[in-house]
Amino acid sequence: MVYKRLVSPSLLAADFGNLAEAAVQAEVGGAGSLHLDYMDGHYVPNISFGIDLIPALKRRVNLPLVAHLMIANTRERLDDFIRVQPDFIVLQEDAIRKPMRLITAIRDRGIKPGLAINPSRPLKRIYDLLHHIEILTIMSVNPGFGGQKFIPETLDKMEEAHRYRVSHNLGFELAVDGGVSIETATRIVRTGANVLVAGSAVYGRNDVGEAIKALLSVQ
């Protein structure tokens, strides 16, 4: 199975006064999707976007929208996110109970379900769930703040996840979120991970398109 390399710019690193324009720049620049970190001030100390950002962006771009829910009350708010129909909903595996029920609810509404796992959490906890998702996000920093330093120990987890999907012939995207840069991307893609979630490495550059192109070309 071939896993296509994609760059998923994280809007958390964009100018909040020009989010629609930042999304357009990502689409024109060759991004494969757009990553939206939803933070609630409880699961993580920061607060980020409102749910209405999703329909607003859908009016401006055709990129797949990935809603990453870093929130404490996922079960209570899930229907609200389903209602606005992002292309993917990614759940924090340590923030939910009865994960299969939520994964099924997402899929049944035509949205691709995913999971995110934090640096300290062992992948084996969610092996069974990997057969039911469309994207796995390996957090390579602790969630809550942009611009953190990449945790190199997470490379082993990326390799483990890639080996698992290959050995079980699974098609889920393997994304890495946190500290992604030209320097770290080389090590990341060598693990088999194929989606680079990049914030400042894209929106901290003068030319968004060139930044995306550079990440796509790393070997």
N, C-alpha and C. Protein backbone atom coordinates (compact mmCIF):
# COMPACT_ATOMS: atom_id res chain seq x y z
N MET A 1 0.84 -1.19 0.00
CA MET A 1 0.00 0.00 0.00
C MET A 1 0.88 1.25 0.00
N VAL A 2 0.50 2.23 -0.82
CA VAL A 2 1.26 3.48 -0.92
C VAL A 2 0.63 4.53 -0.01
N TYR A 3 1.46 5.18 0.77
CA TYR A 3 1.00 6.24 1.67
C TYR A 3 1.56 7.57 1.17
N LYS A 4 0.71 8.40 0.61
CA LYS A 4 1.13 9.64 -0.03
C LYS A 4 1.57 10.68 1.00
N ARG A 5 2.69 11.33 0.72
CA ARG A 5 3.17 12.42 1.57
C ARG A 5 2.24 13.63 1.45
N LEU A 6 1.85 14.16 2.58
CA LEU A 6 1.00 15.35 2.62
C LEU A 6 1.54 16.32 3.66
N VAL A 7 1.32 17.61 3.42
CA VAL A 7 1.55 18.63 4.44
C VAL A 7 0.20 19.19 4.85
N SER A 8 -0.03 19.25 6.15
CA SER A 8 -1.28 19.75 6.71
C SER A 8 -0.97 20.97 7.57
N PRO A 9 -0.99 22.16 6.99
CA PRO A 9 -0.67 23.35 7.78
C PRO A 9 -1.62 23.54 8.96
N SER A 10 -1.06 23.90 10.09
CA SER A 10 -1.85 24.12 11.29
C SER A 10 -2.21 25.59 11.42
N LEU A 11 -3.51 25.89 11.36
CA LEU A 11 -3.96 27.27 11.43
C LEU A 11 -3.67 27.93 12.77
N LEU A 12 -3.35 27.14 13.78
CA LEU A 12 -3.01 27.71 15.07
C LEU A 12 -1.82 28.66 14.97
N ALA A 13 -0.96 28.43 13.97
CA ALA A 13 0.24 29.26 13.81
C ALA A 13 0.02 30.42 12.85
N ALA A 14 -1.17 30.52 12.26
CA ALA A 14 -1.44 31.59 11.30
C ALA A 14 -1.86 32.87 12.03
N ASP A 15 -1.94 33.95 11.28
CA ASP A 15 -2.43 35.22 11.80
C ASP A 15 -3.93 35.10 12.04
N PHE A 16 -4.36 35.18 13.30
CA PHE A 16 -5.76 34.99 13.62
C PHE A 16 -6.65 36.08 13.00
N GLY A 17 -6.05 37.18 12.60
CA GLY A 17 -6.82 38.22 11.93
C GLY A 17 -7.06 37.94 10.46
N ASN A 18 -6.41 36.89 9.93
CA ASN A 18 -6.53 36.59 8.50
C ASN A 18 -6.57 35.07 8.28
N LEU A 19 -7.41 34.38 9.03
CA LEU A 19 -7.43 32.92 8.94
C LEU A 19 -7.91 32.44 7.58
N ALA A 20 -8.90 33.10 7.01
CA ALA A 20 -9.40 32.67 5.70
C ALA A 20 -8.31 32.82 4.65
N GLU A 21 -7.58 33.92 4.68
CA GLU A 21 -6.50 34.12 3.72
C GLU A 21 -5.39 33.10 3.94
N ALA A 22 -5.11 32.78 5.19
CA ALA A 22 -4.09 31.76 5.48
C ALA A 22 -4.51 30.41 4.92
N ALA A 23 -5.79 30.09 5.00
CA ALA A 23 -6.29 28.83 4.44
C ALA A 23 -6.15 28.82 2.93
N VAL A 24 -6.48 29.93 2.30
CA VAL A 24 -6.34 30.03 0.83
C VAL A 24 -4.88 29.87 0.43
N GLN A 25 -3.98 30.51 1.16
CA GLN A 25 -2.55 30.38 0.84
C GLN A 25 -2.10 28.92 0.94
N ALA A 26 -2.60 28.21 1.93
CA ALA A 26 -2.25 26.80 2.07
C ALA A 26 -2.75 25.98 0.89
N GLU A 27 -3.98 26.24 0.48
CA GLU A 27 -4.55 25.49 -0.64
C GLU A 27 -3.78 25.78 -1.93
N VAL A 28 -3.56 27.04 -2.21
CA VAL A 28 -2.81 27.43 -3.42
C VAL A 28 -1.39 26.88 -3.37
N GLY A 29 -0.83 26.80 -2.15
CA GLY A 29 0.55 26.36 -2.00
C GLY A 29 0.76 24.86 -2.05
N GLY A 30 -0.31 24.09 -2.17
CA GLY A 30 -0.15 22.65 -2.33
C GLY A 30 -0.38 21.82 -1.08
N ALA A 31 -1.02 22.38 -0.07
CA ALA A 31 -1.31 21.62 1.14
C ALA A 31 -2.27 20.47 0.82
N GLY A 32 -2.16 19.39 1.59
CA GLY A 32 -3.06 18.25 1.40
C GLY A 32 -4.30 18.33 2.25
N SER A 33 -4.23 19.07 3.33
CA SER A 33 -5.37 19.28 4.22
C SER A 33 -5.04 20.49 5.10
N LEU A 34 -6.00 20.85 5.93
CA LEU A 34 -5.82 21.97 6.85
C LEU A 34 -6.13 21.47 8.26
N HIS A 35 -5.21 21.72 9.19
CA HIS A 35 -5.31 21.19 10.54
C HIS A 35 -5.83 22.27 11.49
N LEU A 36 -6.91 21.94 12.21
CA LEU A 36 -7.54 22.88 13.12
C LEU A 36 -7.49 22.32 14.53
N ASP A 37 -6.69 22.92 15.39
CA ASP A 37 -6.56 22.48 16.78
C ASP A 37 -7.62 23.16 17.63
N TYR A 38 -8.57 22.37 18.12
CA TYR A 38 -9.60 22.90 19.00
C TYR A 38 -9.20 22.68 20.45
N MET A 39 -8.99 23.78 21.17
CA MET A 39 -8.55 23.74 22.57
C MET A 39 -9.59 24.44 23.44
N ASP A 40 -9.84 23.87 24.62
CA ASP A 40 -10.97 24.32 25.42
C ASP A 40 -10.61 24.99 26.74
N GLY A 41 -9.31 25.10 27.05
CA GLY A 41 -8.93 25.66 28.34
C GLY A 41 -9.05 24.70 29.50
N HIS A 42 -9.43 23.44 29.23
CA HIS A 42 -9.57 22.43 30.28
C HIS A 42 -8.64 21.24 30.01
N TYR A 43 -8.84 20.56 28.89
CA TYR A 43 -7.91 19.48 28.55
C TYR A 43 -6.51 20.05 28.37
N VAL A 44 -6.44 21.21 27.74
CA VAL A 44 -5.19 21.97 27.64
C VAL A 44 -5.48 23.39 28.12
N PRO A 45 -4.45 24.14 28.55
CA PRO A 45 -4.72 25.45 29.14
C PRO A 45 -5.11 26.53 28.14
N ASN A 46 -4.84 26.32 26.86
CA ASN A 46 -5.17 27.33 25.87
C ASN A 46 -6.60 27.20 25.37
N ILE A 47 -7.10 28.26 24.76
CA ILE A 47 -8.37 28.28 24.04
C ILE A 47 -8.07 28.73 22.62
N SER A 48 -8.64 28.05 21.64
CA SER A 48 -8.31 28.42 20.26
C SER A 48 -9.54 28.88 19.48
N PHE A 49 -10.08 28.00 18.62
CA PHE A 49 -11.10 28.42 17.66
C PHE A 49 -12.51 28.11 18.14
N GLY A 50 -13.47 28.78 17.51
CA GLY A 50 -14.87 28.41 17.65
C GLY A 50 -15.26 27.42 16.57
N ILE A 51 -16.34 26.69 16.82
CA ILE A 51 -16.80 25.68 15.86
C ILE A 51 -17.18 26.31 14.53
N ASP A 52 -17.68 27.53 14.55
CA ASP A 52 -18.14 28.17 13.31
C ASP A 52 -17.01 28.48 12.34
N LEU A 53 -15.76 28.31 12.78
CA LEU A 53 -14.65 28.47 11.84
C LEU A 53 -14.74 27.45 10.71
N ILE A 54 -15.24 26.26 10.99
CA ILE A 54 -15.28 25.20 9.98
C ILE A 54 -16.17 25.58 8.80
N PRO A 55 -17.45 25.94 9.00
CA PRO A 55 -18.24 26.35 7.83
C PRO A 55 -17.71 27.60 7.15
N ALA A 56 -17.08 28.49 7.91
CA ALA A 56 -16.49 29.69 7.30
C ALA A 56 -15.37 29.31 6.35
N LEU A 57 -14.52 28.37 6.76
CA LEU A 57 -13.42 27.95 5.89
C LEU A 57 -13.93 27.16 4.69
N LYS A 58 -14.97 26.38 4.88
CA LYS A 58 -15.52 25.59 3.78
C LYS A 58 -16.07 26.47 2.67
N ARG A 59 -16.42 27.70 3.00
CA ARG A 59 -16.87 28.64 1.97
C ARG A 59 -15.71 29.23 1.18
N ARG A 60 -14.49 29.07 1.70
CA ARG A 60 -13.34 29.69 1.05
C ARG A 60 -12.38 28.70 0.39
N VAL A 61 -12.29 27.48 0.91
CA VAL A 61 -11.34 26.51 0.39
C VAL A 61 -11.99 25.14 0.23
N ASN A 62 -11.38 24.33 -0.62
CA ASN A 62 -11.85 22.95 -0.82
C ASN A 62 -10.94 21.94 -0.14
N LEU A 63 -9.96 22.39 0.59
CA LEU A 63 -9.07 21.48 1.30
C LEU A 63 -9.83 20.67 2.34
N PRO A 64 -9.47 19.41 2.52
CA PRO A 64 -10.04 18.66 3.65
C PRO A 64 -9.68 19.35 4.98
N LEU A 65 -10.67 19.46 5.84
CA LEU A 65 -10.47 20.10 7.14
C LEU A 65 -10.40 19.03 8.22
N VAL A 66 -9.33 19.08 9.01
CA VAL A 66 -9.09 18.12 10.08
C VAL A 66 -9.32 18.82 11.41
N ALA A 67 -10.40 18.47 12.10
CA ALA A 67 -10.71 19.05 13.40
C ALA A 67 -10.12 18.16 14.48
N HIS A 68 -9.10 18.64 15.15
CA HIS A 68 -8.40 17.90 16.19
C HIS A 68 -8.93 18.39 17.54
N LEU A 69 -9.68 17.53 18.23
CA LEU A 69 -10.39 17.95 19.44
C LEU A 69 -9.54 17.72 20.68
N MET A 70 -8.86 18.77 21.11
CA MET A 70 -8.13 18.75 22.37
C MET A 70 -9.03 19.35 23.44
N ILE A 71 -10.10 18.63 23.72
CA ILE A 71 -11.11 19.15 24.63
C ILE A 71 -11.47 18.08 25.66
N ALA A 72 -11.93 18.53 26.82
CA ALA A 72 -12.23 17.61 27.92
C ALA A 72 -13.60 16.96 27.78
N ASN A 73 -14.56 17.67 27.18
CA ASN A 73 -15.94 17.18 27.11
C ASN A 73 -16.28 16.72 25.70
N THR A 74 -15.46 15.85 25.16
CA THR A 74 -15.63 15.42 23.77
C THR A 74 -17.01 14.83 23.52
N ARG A 75 -17.44 13.94 24.38
CA ARG A 75 -18.74 13.28 24.15
C ARG A 75 -19.88 14.29 24.10
N GLU A 76 -19.84 15.29 24.98
CA GLU A 76 -20.92 16.28 25.02
C GLU A 76 -20.92 17.20 23.81
N ARG A 77 -19.75 17.47 23.25
CA ARG A 77 -19.67 18.43 22.14
C ARG A 77 -19.54 17.78 20.78
N LEU A 78 -19.44 16.47 20.73
CA LEU A 78 -19.18 15.81 19.46
C LEU A 78 -20.26 16.10 18.42
N ASP A 79 -21.52 16.10 18.82
CA ASP A 79 -22.59 16.36 17.86
C ASP A 79 -22.46 17.74 17.22
N ASP A 80 -21.97 18.71 17.98
CA ASP A 80 -21.78 20.05 17.44
C ASP A 80 -20.74 20.04 16.32
N PHE A 81 -19.66 19.30 16.53
CA PHE A 81 -18.63 19.21 15.51
C PHE A 81 -19.12 18.40 14.30
N ILE A 82 -19.85 17.34 14.56
CA ILE A 82 -20.41 16.56 13.45
C ILE A 82 -21.34 17.42 12.60
N ARG A 83 -22.10 18.27 13.24
CA ARG A 83 -23.07 19.11 12.53
C ARG A 83 -22.40 19.99 11.48
N VAL A 84 -21.20 20.50 11.75
CA VAL A 84 -20.55 21.41 10.80
C VAL A 84 -19.70 20.67 9.78
N GLN A 85 -19.62 19.34 9.91
CA GLN A 85 -19.06 18.48 8.87
C GLN A 85 -17.63 18.80 8.43
N PRO A 86 -16.67 18.77 9.35
CA PRO A 86 -15.28 18.74 8.89
C PRO A 86 -15.05 17.40 8.19
N ASP A 87 -13.97 17.29 7.45
CA ASP A 87 -13.70 16.05 6.73
C ASP A 87 -13.19 14.96 7.68
N PHE A 88 -12.43 15.36 8.68
CA PHE A 88 -11.91 14.45 9.69
C PHE A 88 -12.22 15.02 11.07
N ILE A 89 -12.50 14.13 12.02
CA ILE A 89 -12.53 14.51 13.43
C ILE A 89 -11.55 13.59 14.15
N VAL A 90 -10.55 14.21 14.78
CA VAL A 90 -9.50 13.48 15.48
C VAL A 90 -9.72 13.65 16.98
N LEU A 91 -9.83 12.52 17.68
CA LEU A 91 -10.09 12.51 19.11
C LEU A 91 -8.81 12.22 19.88
N GLN A 92 -8.62 12.90 20.99
CA GLN A 92 -7.51 12.57 21.89
C GLN A 92 -7.84 11.28 22.62
N GLU A 93 -7.03 10.25 22.44
CA GLU A 93 -7.40 8.94 22.99
C GLU A 93 -7.47 8.93 24.51
N ASP A 94 -6.74 9.81 25.17
CA ASP A 94 -6.74 9.83 26.63
C ASP A 94 -7.83 10.73 27.20
N ALA A 95 -8.65 11.33 26.32
CA ALA A 95 -9.68 12.26 26.78
C ALA A 95 -11.08 11.70 26.58
N ILE A 96 -11.18 10.44 26.13
CA ILE A 96 -12.49 9.89 25.82
C ILE A 96 -12.70 8.53 26.48
N ARG A 97 -13.96 8.24 26.75
CA ARG A 97 -14.38 6.92 27.18
C ARG A 97 -15.18 6.28 26.05
N LYS A 98 -15.21 4.97 26.02
CA LYS A 98 -15.95 4.23 24.99
C LYS A 98 -15.60 4.75 23.60
N PRO A 99 -14.31 4.69 23.23
CA PRO A 99 -13.87 5.28 21.97
C PRO A 99 -14.56 4.71 20.74
N MET A 100 -14.89 3.40 20.72
CA MET A 100 -15.52 2.84 19.54
C MET A 100 -16.89 3.45 19.30
N ARG A 101 -17.58 3.79 20.37
CA ARG A 101 -18.90 4.42 20.21
C ARG A 101 -18.75 5.78 19.52
N LEU A 102 -17.75 6.54 19.90
CA LEU A 102 -17.54 7.86 19.29
C LEU A 102 -17.03 7.72 17.86
N ILE A 103 -16.11 6.79 17.64
CA ILE A 103 -15.59 6.56 16.29
C ILE A 103 -16.72 6.17 15.35
N THR A 104 -17.59 5.30 15.81
CA THR A 104 -18.73 4.86 14.99
C THR A 104 -19.69 6.01 14.72
N ALA A 105 -19.93 6.84 15.72
CA ALA A 105 -20.82 7.99 15.54
C ALA A 105 -20.28 8.95 14.49
N ILE A 106 -18.98 9.15 14.50
CA ILE A 106 -18.35 10.03 13.51
C ILE A 106 -18.48 9.43 12.11
N ARG A 107 -18.12 8.17 11.97
CA ARG A 107 -18.17 7.52 10.67
C ARG A 107 -19.59 7.45 10.12
N ASP A 108 -20.55 7.18 10.98
CA ASP A 108 -21.93 7.05 10.54
C ASP A 108 -22.48 8.35 9.97
N ARG A 109 -21.86 9.47 10.29
CA ARG A 109 -22.29 10.76 9.76
C ARG A 109 -21.44 11.21 8.57
N GLY A 110 -20.67 10.29 8.01
CA GLY A 110 -19.93 10.60 6.79
C GLY A 110 -18.63 11.35 7.00
N ILE A 111 -18.12 11.34 8.23
CA ILE A 111 -16.87 12.01 8.56
C ILE A 111 -15.83 10.94 8.87
N LYS A 112 -14.58 11.20 8.51
CA LYS A 112 -13.51 10.24 8.76
C LYS A 112 -13.01 10.38 10.20
N PRO A 113 -13.06 9.29 10.97
CA PRO A 113 -12.62 9.37 12.37
C PRO A 113 -11.12 9.17 12.51
N GLY A 114 -10.56 9.79 13.53
CA GLY A 114 -9.14 9.63 13.82
C GLY A 114 -8.87 9.71 15.30
N LEU A 115 -7.65 9.32 15.66
CA LEU A 115 -7.20 9.40 17.03
C LEU A 115 -5.86 10.11 17.08
N ALA A 116 -5.62 10.79 18.20
CA ALA A 116 -4.31 11.39 18.47
C ALA A 116 -3.80 10.81 19.78
N ILE A 117 -2.49 10.58 19.84
CA ILE A 117 -1.88 9.98 21.02
C ILE A 117 -0.70 10.83 21.47
N ASN A 118 -0.64 11.11 22.75
CA ASN A 118 0.37 12.00 23.31
C ASN A 118 1.71 11.30 23.50
N PRO A 119 2.79 12.08 23.65
CA PRO A 119 4.14 11.48 23.73
C PRO A 119 4.31 10.42 24.80
N SER A 120 3.66 10.58 25.94
CA SER A 120 3.87 9.64 27.05
C SER A 120 2.99 8.40 26.98
N ARG A 121 2.08 8.34 26.03
CA ARG A 121 1.11 7.25 25.97
C ARG A 121 1.60 6.13 25.05
N PRO A 122 1.54 4.88 25.49
CA PRO A 122 1.99 3.76 24.64
C PRO A 122 1.00 3.46 23.53
N LEU A 123 1.51 3.20 22.35
CA LEU A 123 0.65 2.94 21.20
C LEU A 123 -0.17 1.67 21.37
N LYS A 124 0.37 0.70 22.08
CA LYS A 124 -0.33 -0.58 22.22
C LYS A 124 -1.69 -0.44 22.87
N ARG A 125 -1.92 0.66 23.57
CA ARG A 125 -3.23 0.89 24.20
C ARG A 125 -4.34 0.99 23.15
N ILE A 126 -3.98 1.39 21.95
CA ILE A 126 -5.02 1.64 20.93
C ILE A 126 -4.84 0.76 19.69
N TYR A 127 -4.07 -0.31 19.79
CA TYR A 127 -3.89 -1.19 18.63
C TYR A 127 -5.22 -1.58 18.00
N ASP A 128 -6.16 -2.03 18.80
CA ASP A 128 -7.44 -2.50 18.25
C ASP A 128 -8.19 -1.39 17.53
N LEU A 129 -8.06 -0.17 18.02
CA LEU A 129 -8.78 0.96 17.43
C LEU A 129 -8.19 1.37 16.08
N LEU A 130 -6.93 1.04 15.83
CA LEU A 130 -6.31 1.44 14.58
C LEU A 130 -6.99 0.81 13.37
N HIS A 131 -7.74 -0.25 13.58
CA HIS A 131 -8.46 -0.91 12.50
C HIS A 131 -9.74 -0.18 12.12
N HIS A 132 -10.08 0.87 12.86
CA HIS A 132 -11.37 1.53 12.67
C HIS A 132 -11.25 3.03 12.40
N ILE A 133 -10.03 3.51 12.17
CA ILE A 133 -9.84 4.95 11.97
C ILE A 133 -9.21 5.23 10.61
N GLU A 134 -9.27 6.50 10.22
CA GLU A 134 -8.72 6.93 8.93
C GLU A 134 -7.44 7.75 9.09
N ILE A 135 -7.18 8.20 10.31
CA ILE A 135 -5.95 8.97 10.55
C ILE A 135 -5.51 8.77 12.00
N LEU A 136 -4.22 8.55 12.18
CA LEU A 136 -3.61 8.50 13.50
C LEU A 136 -2.61 9.64 13.59
N THR A 137 -2.77 10.46 14.61
CA THR A 137 -1.86 11.58 14.81
C THR A 137 -0.95 11.29 15.99
N ILE A 138 0.33 11.18 15.72
CA ILE A 138 1.33 11.03 16.78
C ILE A 138 1.72 12.42 17.25
N MET A 139 1.43 12.73 18.49
CA MET A 139 1.84 14.02 19.03
C MET A 139 3.32 13.95 19.39
N SER A 140 4.10 14.84 18.78
CA SER A 140 5.55 14.86 19.04
C SER A 140 5.94 16.02 19.94
N VAL A 141 4.93 16.67 20.51
CA VAL A 141 5.09 17.60 21.63
C VAL A 141 3.90 17.35 22.55
N ASN A 142 3.95 17.87 23.75
CA ASN A 142 2.79 17.79 24.63
C ASN A 142 1.77 18.83 24.19
N PRO A 143 0.50 18.44 24.07
CA PRO A 143 -0.49 19.34 23.47
C PRO A 143 -0.76 20.57 24.31
N GLY A 144 -1.14 21.64 23.60
CA GLY A 144 -1.57 22.84 24.30
C GLY A 144 -0.98 24.13 23.82
N PHE A 145 0.23 24.07 23.26
CA PHE A 145 0.90 25.29 22.81
C PHE A 145 1.63 25.03 21.49
N GLY A 146 1.60 26.00 20.60
CA GLY A 146 2.38 25.91 19.39
C GLY A 146 3.83 26.30 19.64
N GLY A 147 4.70 25.91 18.71
CA GLY A 147 6.09 26.34 18.77
C GLY A 147 6.97 25.56 19.73
N GLN A 148 6.50 24.40 20.23
CA GLN A 148 7.31 23.62 21.16
C GLN A 148 8.40 22.84 20.42
N LYS A 149 9.39 22.42 21.19
CA LYS A 149 10.50 21.65 20.63
C LYS A 149 10.09 20.20 20.41
N PHE A 150 10.46 19.66 19.29
CA PHE A 150 10.17 18.28 18.91
C PHE A 150 10.77 17.31 19.93
N ILE A 151 9.99 16.29 20.32
CA ILE A 151 10.46 15.26 21.26
C ILE A 151 10.96 14.07 20.45
N PRO A 152 12.28 13.87 20.36
CA PRO A 152 12.81 12.83 19.47
C PRO A 152 12.40 11.41 19.84
N GLU A 153 12.07 11.17 21.12
CA GLU A 153 11.67 9.83 21.53
C GLU A 153 10.38 9.37 20.84
N THR A 154 9.61 10.32 20.30
CA THR A 154 8.37 9.93 19.62
C THR A 154 8.63 9.28 18.27
N LEU A 155 9.85 9.37 17.77
CA LEU A 155 10.17 8.71 16.50
C LEU A 155 9.95 7.21 16.58
N ASP A 156 10.25 6.61 17.72
CA ASP A 156 10.03 5.18 17.89
C ASP A 156 8.55 4.83 17.75
N LYS A 157 7.69 5.69 18.29
CA LYS A 157 6.25 5.43 18.20
C LYS A 157 5.77 5.54 16.76
N MET A 158 6.34 6.48 16.01
CA MET A 158 5.99 6.61 14.59
C MET A 158 6.36 5.34 13.83
N GLU A 159 7.56 4.84 14.08
CA GLU A 159 8.00 3.59 13.43
C GLU A 159 7.08 2.44 13.81
N GLU A 160 6.71 2.37 15.08
CA GLU A 160 5.83 1.31 15.55
C GLU A 160 4.47 1.39 14.85
N ALA A 161 3.93 2.59 14.74
CA ALA A 161 2.63 2.77 14.09
C ALA A 161 2.69 2.39 12.62
N HIS A 162 3.78 2.77 11.95
CA HIS A 162 3.90 2.43 10.53
C HIS A 162 4.04 0.92 10.35
N ARG A 163 4.85 0.29 11.18
CA ARG A 163 4.99 -1.17 11.10
C ARG A 163 3.63 -1.85 11.30
N TYR A 164 2.86 -1.34 12.24
CA TYR A 164 1.57 -1.95 12.53
C TYR A 164 0.64 -1.83 11.33
N ARG A 165 0.57 -0.64 10.74
CA ARG A 165 -0.38 -0.49 9.62
C ARG A 165 0.06 -1.30 8.41
N VAL A 166 1.37 -1.42 8.18
CA VAL A 166 1.83 -2.22 7.06
C VAL A 166 1.55 -3.70 7.32
N SER A 167 1.86 -4.18 8.51
CA SER A 167 1.70 -5.60 8.81
C SER A 167 0.23 -6.03 8.81
N HIS A 168 -0.67 -5.07 9.07
CA HIS A 168 -2.10 -5.39 9.08
C HIS A 168 -2.82 -4.84 7.84
N ASN A 169 -2.05 -4.33 6.88
CA ASN A 169 -2.60 -3.82 5.63
C ASN A 169 -3.69 -2.77 5.88
N LEU A 170 -3.37 -1.82 6.74
CA LEU A 170 -4.31 -0.75 7.08
C LEU A 170 -4.00 0.51 6.29
N GLY A 171 -5.01 1.27 5.97
CA GLY A 171 -4.82 2.43 5.11
C GLY A 171 -4.85 3.77 5.81
N PHE A 172 -4.86 3.78 7.15
CA PHE A 172 -4.98 5.07 7.83
C PHE A 172 -3.76 5.96 7.57
N GLU A 173 -4.02 7.26 7.51
CA GLU A 173 -2.93 8.23 7.39
C GLU A 173 -2.19 8.28 8.72
N LEU A 174 -0.87 8.42 8.63
CA LEU A 174 -0.05 8.53 9.83
C LEU A 174 0.53 9.94 9.88
N ALA A 175 -0.04 10.75 10.76
CA ALA A 175 0.33 12.16 10.86
C ALA A 175 1.20 12.39 12.09
N VAL A 176 2.04 13.41 11.99
CA VAL A 176 2.89 13.83 13.11
C VAL A 176 2.64 15.31 13.36
N ASP A 177 2.38 15.64 14.62
CA ASP A 177 1.99 16.99 14.99
C ASP A 177 2.85 17.47 16.15
N GLY A 178 3.65 18.51 15.89
CA GLY A 178 4.43 19.12 16.95
C GLY A 178 5.90 19.23 16.62
N GLY A 179 6.40 20.43 16.53
CA GLY A 179 7.82 20.64 16.27
C GLY A 179 8.27 20.21 14.90
N VAL A 180 7.34 20.14 13.95
CA VAL A 180 7.70 19.73 12.59
C VAL A 180 8.37 20.89 11.87
N SER A 181 9.56 20.63 11.36
CA SER A 181 10.35 21.63 10.63
C SER A 181 11.12 20.91 9.54
N ILE A 182 11.84 21.65 8.74
CA ILE A 182 12.68 21.02 7.71
C ILE A 182 13.67 20.06 8.37
N GLU A 183 14.21 20.45 9.50
CA GLU A 183 15.21 19.63 10.18
C GLU A 183 14.59 18.34 10.73
N THR A 184 13.44 18.44 11.39
CA THR A 184 12.84 17.25 11.99
C THR A 184 12.09 16.42 10.96
N ALA A 185 11.62 17.04 9.89
CA ALA A 185 10.83 16.31 8.89
C ALA A 185 11.62 15.18 8.26
N THR A 186 12.90 15.36 8.08
CA THR A 186 13.73 14.30 7.49
C THR A 186 13.66 13.04 8.34
N ARG A 187 13.80 13.20 9.65
CA ARG A 187 13.72 12.04 10.54
C ARG A 187 12.31 11.47 10.60
N ILE A 188 11.32 12.34 10.53
CA ILE A 188 9.93 11.90 10.62
C ILE A 188 9.55 11.02 9.43
N VAL A 189 9.84 11.48 8.22
CA VAL A 189 9.39 10.73 7.04
C VAL A 189 10.12 9.40 6.92
N ARG A 190 11.31 9.31 7.49
CA ARG A 190 12.04 8.03 7.45
C ARG A 190 11.40 6.97 8.33
N THR A 191 10.53 7.38 9.25
CA THR A 191 9.82 6.40 10.08
C THR A 191 8.65 5.76 9.32
N GLY A 192 8.25 6.37 8.22
CA GLY A 192 7.09 5.92 7.48
C GLY A 192 5.89 6.83 7.63
N ALA A 193 5.95 7.80 8.54
CA ALA A 193 4.86 8.76 8.68
C ALA A 193 4.71 9.53 7.38
N ASN A 194 3.47 9.83 6.99
CA ASN A 194 3.26 10.45 5.68
C ASN A 194 2.54 11.79 5.71
N VAL A 195 2.06 12.23 6.88
CA VAL A 195 1.40 13.53 6.96
C VAL A 195 2.15 14.41 7.96
N LEU A 196 2.62 15.53 7.48
CA LEU A 196 3.36 16.48 8.32
C LEU A 196 2.44 17.63 8.70
N VAL A 197 2.08 17.68 9.97
CA VAL A 197 1.28 18.79 10.49
C VAL A 197 2.26 19.87 10.92
N ALA A 198 2.25 20.97 10.21
CA ALA A 198 3.28 22.00 10.42
C ALA A 198 2.64 23.36 10.65
N GLY A 199 3.05 24.01 11.73
CA GLY A 199 2.53 25.33 12.04
C GLY A 199 3.49 26.43 11.63
N SER A 200 4.44 26.74 12.51
CA SER A 200 5.38 27.83 12.23
C SER A 200 6.28 27.52 11.05
N ALA A 201 6.49 26.23 10.75
CA ALA A 201 7.32 25.87 9.60
C ALA A 201 6.66 26.26 8.29
N VAL A 202 5.34 26.49 8.32
CA VAL A 202 4.61 26.97 7.15
C VAL A 202 4.27 28.46 7.29
N TYR A 203 3.56 28.79 8.36
CA TYR A 203 3.07 30.16 8.50
C TYR A 203 4.10 31.12 9.09
N GLY A 204 5.23 30.58 9.52
CA GLY A 204 6.31 31.46 9.97
C GLY A 204 7.26 31.84 8.86
N ARG A 205 7.00 31.35 7.66
CA ARG A 205 7.83 31.65 6.49
C ARG A 205 7.17 32.74 5.65
N ASN A 206 7.97 33.45 4.88
CA ASN A 206 7.43 34.52 4.04
C ASN A 206 6.55 33.98 2.91
N ASP A 207 6.88 32.82 2.41
CA ASP A 207 6.16 32.24 1.28
C ASP A 207 5.59 30.88 1.71
N VAL A 208 4.29 30.83 1.93
CA VAL A 208 3.64 29.61 2.40
C VAL A 208 3.82 28.47 1.41
N GLY A 209 3.66 28.76 0.13
CA GLY A 209 3.80 27.74 -0.89
C GLY A 209 5.19 27.14 -0.93
N GLU A 210 6.21 27.98 -0.83
CA GLU A 210 7.58 27.48 -0.83
C GLU A 210 7.85 26.64 0.43
N ALA A 211 7.27 27.04 1.55
CA ALA A 211 7.45 26.27 2.79
C ALA A 211 6.84 24.88 2.66
N ILE A 212 5.66 24.80 2.08
CA ILE A 212 5.01 23.51 1.86
C ILE A 212 5.82 22.66 0.90
N LYS A 213 6.26 23.27 -0.18
CA LYS A 213 7.07 22.55 -1.16
C LYS A 213 8.35 21.98 -0.53
N ALA A 214 8.98 22.77 0.33
CA ALA A 214 10.21 22.30 0.99
C ALA A 214 9.94 21.09 1.87
N LEU A 215 8.81 21.11 2.60
CA LEU A 215 8.49 19.97 3.46
C LEU A 215 8.14 18.72 2.64
N LEU A 216 7.49 18.92 1.51
CA LEU A 216 7.14 17.79 0.65
C LEU A 216 8.37 17.15 0.03
N SER A 217 9.44 17.91 -0.08
CA SER A 217 10.63 17.41 -0.80
C SER A 217 11.68 16.79 0.10
N VAL A 218 11.49 16.83 1.42
CA VAL A 218 12.52 16.27 2.30
C VAL A 218 12.61 14.77 2.10
N GLN A 219 13.82 14.25 2.28
CA GLN A 219 14.06 12.81 2.09
C GLN A 219 14.66 12.22 3.38
